[in-house]
Structures are given as structure tokens and as C-alpha cells.
Amino acid sequence: MTPSSQINYIPDQQDIIYIDFNPSVGEEIRKRRPALVLSSQNYSRVTDLAVVCPITSSEDNRLKDFFIPVSGASTVHGYINPLQFHTFDYKKRHAQKVGLLPTSSFIEAKQTILDLLE
């Protein structure tokens, strides 16, 4: 995406974006990092919000059994952490699209969250 098209960007499911997770406290994930967009573009358009899961490069994490490897998104490497999903104002946090996650990995991340909420 060119910088001018980023201005009008509206996050959509399966997008991989960079977004700022700060401020954070305690065990919350922090800093500007890649994230997987879970919410639909329609949701983002109506609310100016996006529901995301952070992507971490940390392989040595006590929660790593729940992590989902990012595959097929050549610019981002790491693991989707479905245990810390967030809702953010994507405009105020300067979201920038950097890739697209394959459908199979997206379904796995979504199912993990659904399992947690049941």
C-alpha cells in the first residue's frame, strides 16, 4: 500500500497490520507491533475500531502452546497470540496494512478465541 492509500485504509478480516499497543499495563502486550485483524471491514467502517490479535516474535513464552504461526505473509514472521485480543481505534493508533494471513491460519485463530469464550 502506498502512503496515500494508507490514509483511507479500513482494516478487514485477515489483514496483518502494524498498530501501537501502548499504553499498556501489567501483563498486557506492548509497543508498536504486527497484529491480525479479526473484525470485518464493515465493523471497522461503522465504528472506527478494529479487533486484533497481537503477533509476537517471542518463541519462549509461557503461553506459546496457544500461539499460531504466521505463514504465507512474507513481510511478517512470528506467532499470533489469540489470548490477548484487543479493540483499538485504528486511526488514532496509526494502523498500517503490511500483509494478509491465509484463510486456514485465520480460521484457527478465530476458533481458538471462540473456544476461550465458551
Protein backbone atom coordinates (compact mmCIF):
# COMPACT_ATOMS: atom_id res chain seq x y z
CA MET A 1 0.00 0.00 0.00
CA THR A 2 1.22 3.47 -0.81
CA PRO A 3 1.27 6.14 1.91
CA SER A 4 -1.66 7.96 0.30
CA SER A 5 -3.81 4.82 0.28
CA GLN A 6 -2.97 4.22 3.97
CA ILE A 7 -4.88 7.41 4.82
CA ASN A 8 -8.14 5.84 3.65
CA TYR A 9 -7.31 2.34 4.88
CA ILE A 10 -10.12 0.45 6.64
CA PRO A 11 -9.00 -2.79 8.33
CA ASP A 12 -10.60 -6.06 7.25
CA GLN A 13 -10.51 -9.66 8.44
CA GLN A 14 -7.23 -11.46 7.74
CA ASP A 15 -5.26 -8.22 7.28
CA ILE A 16 -1.93 -8.07 9.05
CA ILE A 17 -1.32 -4.55 10.29
CA TYR A 18 1.19 -2.65 12.37
CA ILE A 19 -0.53 -0.91 15.29
CA ASP A 20 0.54 0.67 18.57
CA PHE A 21 -0.39 -1.39 21.65
CA ASN A 22 0.84 1.33 24.05
CA PRO A 23 -0.15 2.33 26.62
CA SER A 24 -0.30 -0.99 28.40
CA VAL A 25 0.00 -2.18 31.99
CA GLY A 26 0.92 -5.38 33.79
CA GLU A 27 0.95 -8.46 31.58
CA GLU A 28 -0.59 -6.67 28.58
CA ILE A 29 1.36 -6.87 25.36
CA ARG A 30 3.00 -3.59 24.44
CA LYS A 31 4.72 -1.47 21.76
CA ARG A 32 4.04 -0.97 18.06
CA ARG A 33 3.88 -4.42 16.52
CA PRO A 34 2.14 -6.51 13.89
CA ALA A 35 -1.38 -7.74 14.59
CA LEU A 36 -4.03 -9.85 12.89
CA VAL A 37 -7.36 -8.12 12.21
CA LEU A 38 -10.29 -10.27 13.37
CA SER A 39 -13.17 -7.85 12.75
CA SER A 40 -14.88 -7.21 9.44
CA GLN A 41 -14.31 -4.14 7.32
CA ASN A 42 -17.94 -3.18 7.83
CA TYR A 43 -17.42 -3.16 11.62
CA SER A 44 -14.31 -1.01 11.20
CA ARG A 45 -16.08 1.40 8.86
CA VAL A 46 -19.05 1.89 11.21
CA THR A 47 -17.09 2.12 14.50
CA ASP A 48 -13.58 3.33 13.50
CA LEU A 49 -12.39 0.36 15.59
CA ALA A 50 -10.65 -2.91 14.78
CA VAL A 51 -10.50 -6.10 16.84
CA VAL A 52 -6.97 -7.51 16.61
CA CYS A 53 -4.67 -10.21 17.95
CA PRO A 54 -1.04 -9.25 18.53
CA ILE A 55 1.73 -11.03 16.66
CA THR A 56 4.85 -11.77 18.68
CA SER A 57 8.29 -13.00 17.70
CA SER A 58 8.84 -14.49 21.16
CA GLU A 59 9.23 -18.26 21.00
CA ASP A 60 9.96 -18.51 24.71
CA ASN A 61 6.60 -17.59 26.20
CA ARG A 62 4.63 -19.46 28.84
CA LEU A 63 1.51 -19.25 26.64
CA LYS A 64 3.22 -20.45 23.45
CA ASP A 65 1.07 -23.61 23.25
CA PHE A 66 -1.81 -21.36 22.16
CA PHE A 67 0.21 -19.40 19.59
CA ILE A 68 -0.46 -19.83 15.86
CA PRO A 69 2.48 -19.47 13.44
CA VAL A 70 2.16 -16.72 10.86
CA SER A 71 2.58 -18.33 7.46
CA GLY A 72 2.19 -17.03 3.95
CA ALA A 73 2.65 -13.38 4.95
CA SER A 74 6.18 -12.77 3.72
CA THR A 75 6.75 -9.41 5.42
CA VAL A 76 5.78 -10.55 8.93
CA HIS A 77 7.14 -13.51 10.84
CA GLY A 78 6.14 -14.72 14.28
CA TYR A 79 3.15 -16.07 16.15
CA ILE A 80 -0.43 -14.89 16.54
CA ASN A 81 -1.35 -14.60 20.22
CA PRO A 82 -5.12 -15.18 20.34
CA LEU A 83 -5.14 -14.92 24.15
CA GLN A 84 -4.68 -11.13 24.13
CA PHE A 85 -7.12 -9.80 21.56
CA HIS A 86 -7.85 -6.06 21.73
CA THR A 87 -10.20 -3.48 20.26
CA PHE A 88 -8.42 -0.33 19.06
CA ASP A 89 -9.18 2.92 17.27
CA TYR A 90 -7.18 2.06 14.17
CA LYS A 91 -6.92 5.69 13.02
CA LYS A 92 -5.62 7.10 16.31
CA ARG A 93 -3.18 4.19 16.62
CA HIS A 94 -1.95 4.67 13.04
CA ALA A 95 -2.72 1.20 11.70
CA GLN A 96 -0.78 0.27 8.59
CA LYS A 97 -1.55 -2.80 6.49
CA VAL A 98 1.52 -4.93 5.77
CA GLY A 99 0.12 -8.28 4.69
CA LEU A 100 -2.70 -10.78 4.52
CA LEU A 101 -2.96 -14.00 6.54
CA PRO A 102 -4.01 -17.19 4.73
CA THR A 103 -7.58 -18.30 5.43
CA SER A 104 -6.59 -21.53 7.22
CA SER A 105 -4.49 -19.67 9.83
CA PHE A 106 -7.22 -17.04 10.25
CA ILE A 107 -9.85 -19.71 10.94
CA GLU A 108 -7.54 -21.34 13.50
CA ALA A 109 -7.03 -18.03 15.34
CA LYS A 110 -10.75 -17.27 15.35
CA GLN A 111 -11.63 -20.76 16.59
CA THR A 112 -9.11 -20.50 19.43
CA ILE A 113 -10.80 -17.30 20.61
CA LEU A 114 -14.27 -18.84 20.34
CA ASP A 115 -13.07 -21.81 22.40
CA LEU A 116 -11.75 -19.43 25.09
CA LEU A 117 -15.06 -17.62 25.33
CA GLU A 118 -17.20 -20.74 25.77
